[in-house]
N, C-alpha and C. Protein backbone atom coordinates (compact mmCIF):
# COMPACT_ATOMS: atom_id res chain seq x y z
N THR A 1 -75.99 0.86 15.31
CA THR A 1 -76.40 -0.52 15.52
C THR A 1 -77.61 -0.56 16.43
N LYS A 2 -78.22 -1.71 16.52
CA LYS A 2 -79.41 -1.85 17.35
C LYS A 2 -79.07 -1.58 18.82
N ALA A 3 -77.90 -2.01 19.27
CA ALA A 3 -77.48 -1.80 20.65
C ALA A 3 -76.76 -0.47 20.83
N ASN A 4 -76.75 0.37 19.75
CA ASN A 4 -76.10 1.67 19.78
C ASN A 4 -74.61 1.56 20.10
N ARG A 5 -73.96 0.53 19.56
CA ARG A 5 -72.52 0.36 19.75
C ARG A 5 -71.77 1.14 18.68
N ASN A 6 -70.59 1.61 18.99
CA ASN A 6 -69.76 2.35 18.06
C ASN A 6 -69.14 1.37 17.06
N ILE A 7 -69.26 1.65 15.75
CA ILE A 7 -68.65 0.78 14.75
C ILE A 7 -67.48 1.46 14.05
N GLU A 8 -67.10 2.64 14.51
CA GLU A 8 -65.97 3.34 13.92
C GLU A 8 -64.69 2.56 14.22
N ASN A 9 -63.85 2.39 13.19
CA ASN A 9 -62.58 1.64 13.28
C ASN A 9 -62.80 0.18 13.69
N GLU A 10 -63.94 -0.37 13.33
CA GLU A 10 -64.25 -1.78 13.61
C GLU A 10 -64.50 -2.50 12.29
N ASP A 11 -64.24 -3.79 12.26
CA ASP A 11 -64.57 -4.60 11.09
C ASP A 11 -66.07 -4.87 11.08
N VAL A 12 -66.70 -4.55 9.97
CA VAL A 12 -68.13 -4.78 9.83
C VAL A 12 -68.32 -5.98 8.91
N VAL A 13 -69.09 -6.96 9.35
CA VAL A 13 -69.34 -8.17 8.58
C VAL A 13 -70.80 -8.20 8.18
N LEU A 14 -71.04 -8.47 6.91
CA LEU A 14 -72.40 -8.55 6.39
C LEU A 14 -72.62 -9.95 5.84
N TRP A 15 -73.62 -10.64 6.33
CA TRP A 15 -74.00 -11.95 5.81
C TRP A 15 -75.27 -11.73 5.00
N TYR A 16 -75.14 -11.80 3.70
CA TYR A 16 -76.28 -11.61 2.81
C TYR A 16 -76.75 -12.98 2.33
N VAL A 17 -77.96 -13.34 2.66
CA VAL A 17 -78.50 -14.65 2.31
C VAL A 17 -79.64 -14.45 1.31
N PHE A 18 -79.62 -15.22 0.25
CA PHE A 18 -80.69 -15.14 -0.74
C PHE A 18 -81.04 -16.54 -1.19
N GLY A 19 -82.19 -16.66 -1.76
CA GLY A 19 -82.62 -17.96 -2.26
C GLY A 19 -83.30 -17.81 -3.60
N THR A 20 -83.35 -18.89 -4.33
CA THR A 20 -84.05 -18.88 -5.60
C THR A 20 -85.28 -19.76 -5.49
N ASN A 21 -86.23 -19.51 -6.35
CA ASN A 21 -87.44 -20.31 -6.28
C ASN A 21 -87.71 -21.05 -7.58
N HIS A 22 -86.70 -21.16 -8.45
CA HIS A 22 -86.87 -21.89 -9.71
C HIS A 22 -85.99 -23.12 -9.70
N ILE A 23 -86.59 -24.26 -9.91
CA ILE A 23 -85.84 -25.51 -10.03
C ILE A 23 -85.88 -25.90 -11.51
N PRO A 24 -84.70 -25.94 -12.18
CA PRO A 24 -84.68 -26.25 -13.61
C PRO A 24 -85.27 -27.63 -13.90
N ARG A 25 -86.02 -27.71 -15.00
CA ARG A 25 -86.61 -28.97 -15.43
C ARG A 25 -86.32 -29.16 -16.91
N THR A 26 -86.41 -30.38 -17.40
CA THR A 26 -86.17 -30.63 -18.82
C THR A 26 -87.22 -29.95 -19.69
N GLU A 27 -88.41 -29.70 -19.15
CA GLU A 27 -89.46 -29.04 -19.91
C GLU A 27 -89.11 -27.57 -20.21
N ASP A 28 -88.16 -27.02 -19.48
CA ASP A 28 -87.77 -25.62 -19.68
C ASP A 28 -86.95 -25.44 -20.95
N TRP A 29 -86.30 -26.50 -21.43
CA TRP A 29 -85.43 -26.39 -22.59
C TRP A 29 -86.26 -26.19 -23.84
N PRO A 30 -85.92 -25.41 -24.83
CA PRO A 30 -84.69 -24.66 -25.03
C PRO A 30 -84.74 -23.25 -24.46
N VAL A 31 -85.89 -22.81 -23.99
CA VAL A 31 -86.00 -21.47 -23.42
C VAL A 31 -85.91 -21.61 -21.91
N MET A 32 -84.76 -21.21 -21.36
CA MET A 32 -84.54 -21.36 -19.92
C MET A 32 -84.86 -20.06 -19.21
N PRO A 33 -85.75 -20.08 -18.22
CA PRO A 33 -86.04 -18.88 -17.44
C PRO A 33 -84.80 -18.42 -16.66
N VAL A 34 -84.81 -17.18 -16.31
CA VAL A 34 -83.68 -16.59 -15.59
C VAL A 34 -84.17 -16.06 -14.26
N GLU A 35 -83.39 -16.27 -13.24
CA GLU A 35 -83.68 -15.73 -11.91
C GLU A 35 -82.51 -14.82 -11.53
N LYS A 36 -82.77 -13.53 -11.39
CA LYS A 36 -81.71 -12.59 -11.04
C LYS A 36 -81.79 -12.28 -9.55
N THR A 37 -80.64 -12.07 -8.97
CA THR A 37 -80.59 -11.66 -7.57
C THR A 37 -79.39 -10.74 -7.39
N GLY A 38 -79.42 -9.93 -6.37
CA GLY A 38 -78.31 -9.01 -6.11
C GLY A 38 -78.68 -8.04 -5.01
N PHE A 39 -77.76 -7.13 -4.72
CA PHE A 39 -78.01 -6.12 -3.71
C PHE A 39 -77.10 -4.93 -3.97
N HIS A 40 -77.45 -3.81 -3.39
CA HIS A 40 -76.66 -2.58 -3.49
C HIS A 40 -76.30 -2.12 -2.09
N LEU A 41 -75.07 -1.68 -1.93
CA LEU A 41 -74.65 -1.08 -0.67
C LEU A 41 -74.78 0.43 -0.82
N LYS A 42 -75.65 1.03 -0.04
CA LYS A 42 -75.89 2.47 -0.11
C LYS A 42 -75.56 3.09 1.24
N PRO A 43 -74.45 3.84 1.31
CA PRO A 43 -74.09 4.45 2.59
C PRO A 43 -75.08 5.53 2.98
N SER A 44 -75.28 5.67 4.26
CA SER A 44 -76.17 6.69 4.80
C SER A 44 -75.40 7.47 5.85
N GLY A 45 -75.36 8.78 5.71
CA GLY A 45 -74.64 9.61 6.67
C GLY A 45 -73.13 9.52 6.52
N PHE A 46 -72.65 9.15 5.32
CA PHE A 46 -71.21 9.01 5.09
C PHE A 46 -70.51 10.36 5.10
N PHE A 47 -71.15 11.36 4.51
CA PHE A 47 -70.62 12.72 4.49
C PHE A 47 -71.46 13.60 5.40
N ALA A 48 -70.83 14.59 6.00
CA ALA A 48 -71.56 15.54 6.84
C ALA A 48 -72.48 16.41 5.99
N ARG A 49 -72.08 16.67 4.74
CA ARG A 49 -72.91 17.43 3.80
C ARG A 49 -72.61 16.91 2.40
N SER A 50 -73.32 17.40 1.43
CA SER A 50 -73.17 16.91 0.06
C SER A 50 -71.79 17.25 -0.49
N PRO A 51 -71.00 16.25 -0.93
CA PRO A 51 -69.69 16.54 -1.50
C PRO A 51 -69.80 17.24 -2.85
N GLY A 52 -70.95 17.19 -3.49
CA GLY A 52 -71.14 17.85 -4.78
C GLY A 52 -71.20 19.36 -4.67
N MET A 53 -71.34 19.90 -3.48
CA MET A 53 -71.43 21.35 -3.31
C MET A 53 -70.10 22.04 -3.57
N ASP A 54 -68.97 21.32 -3.50
CA ASP A 54 -67.66 21.92 -3.73
C ASP A 54 -67.22 21.83 -5.19
N VAL A 55 -68.04 21.27 -6.04
CA VAL A 55 -67.69 21.10 -7.44
C VAL A 55 -67.96 22.40 -8.19
N ALA A 56 -66.98 22.78 -9.01
CA ALA A 56 -67.15 24.00 -9.81
C ALA A 56 -68.26 23.80 -10.83
N PRO A 57 -69.02 24.85 -11.15
CA PRO A 57 -70.08 24.69 -12.14
C PRO A 57 -69.50 24.31 -13.50
N SER A 58 -70.24 23.55 -14.26
CA SER A 58 -69.77 23.12 -15.57
C SER A 58 -69.83 24.29 -16.55
N LYS A 59 -68.95 24.24 -17.55
CA LYS A 59 -68.92 25.27 -18.58
C LYS A 59 -70.05 25.02 -19.56
N PRO A 60 -70.74 26.09 -19.98
CA PRO A 60 -71.80 25.89 -20.97
C PRO A 60 -71.22 25.39 -22.29
N SER A 61 -71.90 24.48 -22.92
CA SER A 61 -71.46 23.97 -24.22
C SER A 61 -72.69 23.67 -25.07
N CYS A 62 -72.46 23.43 -26.33
CA CYS A 62 -73.57 23.14 -27.23
C CYS A 62 -73.87 21.65 -27.30
N HIS A 63 -73.17 20.82 -26.57
CA HIS A 63 -73.38 19.37 -26.65
C HIS A 63 -74.23 18.91 -25.52
């Protein structure tokens, strides 16, 4: 955190705020524009090392 506080075993709250910039109008009909929004949660430093390193190699196949 910014104040370097420990967040282990604490409840973490995320307030994600977004806005749109399209106000629907009757002139838009019948083709209505679309406004998409979203976000991804990507952990950083979750594992000490890559968990994929313990995976057995795949068997060769013709597919």
